[in-house]
Amino acid sequence: MKMKRALFLCTANKLRSPTAEHVFATWSDVETDSAGLSQGATSTLSIEQIEWATIIFVMEKTHRNKLSKRYRRHLKGKRVVCLDIPDDYDYLDPFLIKLLERKAGPFLRQ
């Protein structure tokens, strides 16, 4: 099975995307990274991260829109999946982990 490189994006890279990075890092055949799309993000998205990723997960439609606007030419051939997970959870919140496994998991098992 081919290694999947999953990039998780949210606004500030403080809660949702780092949780996803942490959860899926333990999966075999999956490498993870995360970043934020806002200027003050803990780790701001880079072109290198986009080029590295084989699949990109965004938490909300607004993230997909920002990503497309700013990085359109770097997204050619990239699969971008919107998970529709609102900013309502703390880092490593058990409910957030269940949501991530249910929504992103199937894409990473394919």
Protein backbone atom coordinates (compact mmCIF):
# COMPACT_ATOMS: atom_id res chain seq x y z
CA MET A 1 0.00 0.00 0.00
CA LYS A 2 1.26 3.46 -0.91
CA MET A 3 2.03 5.96 1.86
CA LYS A 4 -0.55 8.74 2.12
CA ARG A 5 0.62 12.22 3.08
CA ALA A 6 -2.30 13.99 4.76
CA LEU A 7 -2.25 17.73 5.34
CA PHE A 8 -4.87 19.12 7.74
CA LEU A 9 -5.82 22.80 7.60
CA CYS A 10 -7.88 25.03 9.87
CA THR A 11 -7.79 28.71 10.79
CA ALA A 12 -5.16 29.09 13.53
CA ASN A 13 -3.57 25.60 13.66
CA LYS A 14 -4.26 25.44 17.42
CA LEU A 15 -7.16 22.99 17.88
CA ARG A 16 -8.69 21.08 14.97
CA SER A 17 -5.82 20.53 12.52
CA PRO A 18 -3.20 19.69 15.20
CA THR A 19 -5.69 17.21 16.71
CA ALA A 20 -6.12 15.58 13.29
CA GLU A 21 -2.36 15.52 12.74
CA HIS A 22 -1.91 13.82 16.13
CA VAL A 23 -4.73 11.26 15.63
CA PHE A 24 -3.74 10.08 12.14
CA ALA A 25 0.03 10.11 12.81
CA THR A 26 -0.46 6.77 14.58
CA TRP A 27 -2.04 5.16 11.47
CA SER A 28 0.17 2.92 9.39
CA ASP A 29 0.75 4.13 5.80
CA VAL A 30 -0.20 7.72 6.78
CA GLU A 31 2.16 10.65 7.31
CA THR A 32 0.60 13.82 8.69
CA ASP A 33 1.18 17.56 8.86
CA SER A 34 -0.99 20.53 9.74
CA ALA A 35 -1.12 24.28 9.27
CA GLY A 36 -3.36 27.30 9.63
CA LEU A 37 -4.66 29.66 6.99
CA SER A 38 -4.72 32.86 9.07
CA GLN A 39 -1.78 35.24 9.48
CA GLY A 40 -1.46 34.56 13.21
CA ALA A 41 -1.55 30.77 12.89
CA THR A 42 0.78 28.69 15.05
CA SER A 43 2.15 27.19 11.83
CA THR A 44 1.20 29.05 8.64
CA LEU A 45 0.60 27.03 5.47
CA SER A 46 3.53 26.86 3.05
CA ILE A 47 3.73 25.93 -0.63
CA GLU A 48 6.14 23.13 0.36
CA GLN A 49 3.42 21.57 2.54
CA ILE A 50 0.94 21.64 -0.35
CA GLU A 51 3.49 20.06 -2.69
CA TRP A 52 4.29 17.38 -0.06
CA ALA A 53 0.64 16.37 0.52
CA THR A 54 -1.16 13.65 -1.41
CA ILE A 55 -4.49 14.67 0.19
CA ILE A 56 -5.48 17.94 1.87
CA PHE A 57 -8.25 18.18 4.46
CA VAL A 58 -9.87 21.50 5.35
CA MET A 59 -12.23 21.88 8.31
CA GLU A 60 -14.70 24.36 6.74
CA LYS A 61 -15.82 25.62 3.32
CA THR A 62 -14.26 29.02 4.10
CA HIS A 63 -10.90 27.26 4.39
CA ARG A 64 -11.35 25.60 1.01
CA ASN A 65 -12.18 29.01 -0.51
CA LYS A 66 -9.10 30.68 1.04
CA LEU A 67 -6.91 27.79 -0.08
CA SER A 68 -8.21 27.96 -3.67
CA LYS A 69 -7.82 31.74 -3.87
CA ARG A 70 -4.29 31.90 -2.47
CA TYR A 71 -2.77 28.67 -3.77
CA ARG A 72 -4.77 27.80 -6.90
CA ARG A 73 -1.79 27.02 -9.14
CA HIS A 74 -0.22 24.75 -6.50
CA LEU A 75 -3.39 22.68 -6.09
CA LYS A 76 -3.42 21.12 -9.56
CA GLY A 77 -3.97 17.38 -9.19
CA LYS A 78 -4.44 17.66 -5.40
CA ARG A 79 -7.46 16.18 -3.70
CA VAL A 80 -9.01 18.68 -1.26
CA VAL A 81 -11.65 17.34 1.12
CA CYS A 82 -13.86 19.56 3.28
CA LEU A 83 -14.70 17.85 6.58
CA ASP A 84 -17.35 20.40 7.69
CA ILE A 85 -16.11 20.49 11.29
CA PRO A 86 -16.87 23.80 13.05
CA ASP A 87 -14.46 25.49 15.49
CA ASP A 88 -16.34 24.16 18.54
CA TYR A 89 -13.79 21.79 20.05
CA ASP A 90 -10.70 21.84 22.25
CA TYR A 91 -7.39 20.22 21.30
CA LEU A 92 -7.72 16.40 21.50
CA ASP A 93 -11.43 16.67 22.42
CA PRO A 94 -12.72 13.04 22.35
CA PHE A 95 -15.76 14.08 20.30
CA LEU A 96 -13.54 15.89 17.78
CA ILE A 97 -11.35 12.77 17.50
CA LYS A 98 -14.43 10.61 16.76
CA LEU A 99 -15.63 13.13 14.15
CA LEU A 100 -12.22 13.21 12.46
CA GLU A 101 -11.97 9.41 12.39
CA ARG A 102 -15.48 9.13 10.92
CA LYS A 103 -15.06 11.89 8.31
CA ALA A 104 -11.37 11.71 7.29
CA GLY A 105 -10.71 8.06 8.10
CA PRO A 106 -12.39 6.58 5.01
CA PHE A 107 -10.25 8.77 2.70
CA LEU A 108 -7.09 7.55 4.43
CA ARG A 109 -8.07 3.88 4.30
CA GLN A 110 -8.74 3.86 0.52
